[in-house]
Amino acid sequence: MNPPLDYSQRYRELRSSGRDRDLALGVLREEGADFIACVKAVYEADGLALRECKLAVHQSPAWLDEHDTR
């Protein structure tokens, strides 16, 4: 089994090119990043607390399809 890819550098590149957090997360997801990889990227690049990172990714339009709709 391969270790998960680290998307932190890619996220930093997207953010420094002017994309906001939601757009950058959308690109990461399109490129195959899972939820945990996105949280890690936000944590490492944006300097938020872990709880805030999880919430930011969870609320991102890129991850809306993963919300429980029951």
Protein backbone atom coordinates (compact mmCIF):
# COMPACT_ATOMS: atom_id res chain seq x y z
CA MET A 1 0.00 0.00 0.00
CA ASN A 2 1.37 3.41 -0.98
CA PRO A 3 1.49 6.21 1.59
CA PRO A 4 -0.92 9.09 0.97
CA LEU A 5 0.43 11.90 -1.16
CA ASP A 6 1.42 15.14 0.50
CA TYR A 7 -0.53 17.97 -1.09
CA SER A 8 0.81 20.70 1.20
CA GLN A 9 3.26 22.14 -1.32
CA ARG A 10 0.65 22.08 -4.09
CA TYR A 11 -1.81 23.87 -1.81
CA ARG A 12 0.82 26.53 -0.98
CA GLU A 13 1.44 27.06 -4.70
CA LEU A 14 -2.27 27.49 -5.39
CA ARG A 15 -2.71 29.92 -2.50
CA SER A 16 0.35 31.98 -3.46
CA SER A 17 -0.94 32.22 -7.03
CA GLY A 18 -4.01 34.02 -5.70
CA ARG A 19 -6.57 31.26 -5.27
CA ASP A 20 -8.68 31.44 -2.16
CA ARG A 21 -8.90 28.47 0.19
CA ASP A 22 -12.06 26.99 -1.33
CA LEU A 23 -10.76 27.12 -4.90
CA ALA A 24 -7.43 25.63 -3.84
CA LEU A 25 -9.19 22.80 -2.02
CA GLY A 26 -11.30 22.16 -5.11
CA VAL A 27 -8.16 21.78 -7.21
CA LEU A 28 -6.61 19.43 -4.65
CA ARG A 29 -9.70 17.27 -4.61
CA GLU A 30 -9.79 17.14 -8.41
CA GLU A 31 -6.16 16.04 -8.30
CA GLY A 32 -6.99 13.17 -5.95
CA ALA A 33 -6.42 14.54 -2.46
CA ASP A 34 -8.55 12.95 0.22
CA PHE A 35 -10.11 14.80 3.16
CA ILE A 36 -7.18 14.18 5.50
CA ALA A 37 -4.64 15.38 2.92
CA CYS A 38 -6.66 18.58 2.49
CA VAL A 39 -6.84 19.17 6.24
CA LYS A 40 -3.08 18.61 6.50
CA ALA A 41 -2.40 21.04 3.66
CA VAL A 42 -4.55 23.76 5.23
CA TYR A 43 -2.94 23.14 8.63
CA GLU A 44 0.59 23.40 7.30
CA ALA A 45 0.06 26.33 4.95
CA ASP A 46 -2.56 28.53 6.59
CA GLY A 47 -1.46 28.19 10.20
CA LEU A 48 -4.93 27.50 11.59
CA ALA A 49 -5.66 25.30 14.58
CA LEU A 50 -6.45 21.70 13.64
CA ARG A 51 -10.12 22.11 14.57
CA GLU A 52 -10.41 25.17 12.32
CA CYS A 53 -8.72 23.31 9.47
CA LYS A 54 -11.15 20.41 9.70
CA LEU A 55 -14.08 22.81 9.74
CA ALA A 56 -12.71 24.82 6.80
CA VAL A 57 -12.30 21.71 4.66
CA HIS A 58 -15.64 20.26 5.75
CA GLN A 59 -17.45 23.49 4.84
CA SER A 60 -15.61 23.93 1.55
CA PRO A 61 -17.75 23.58 -1.60
CA ALA A 62 -15.22 20.98 -2.77
CA TRP A 63 -16.42 18.61 -0.04
CA LEU A 64 -20.17 19.36 0.05
CA ASP A 65 -20.99 16.02 -1.58
CA GLU A 66 -19.47 14.23 1.42
CA HIS A 67 -21.84 15.77 3.96
CA ASP A 68 -24.38 13.50 5.59
CA THR A 69 -27.78 14.51 4.21
CA ARG A 70 -29.92 12.35 6.50
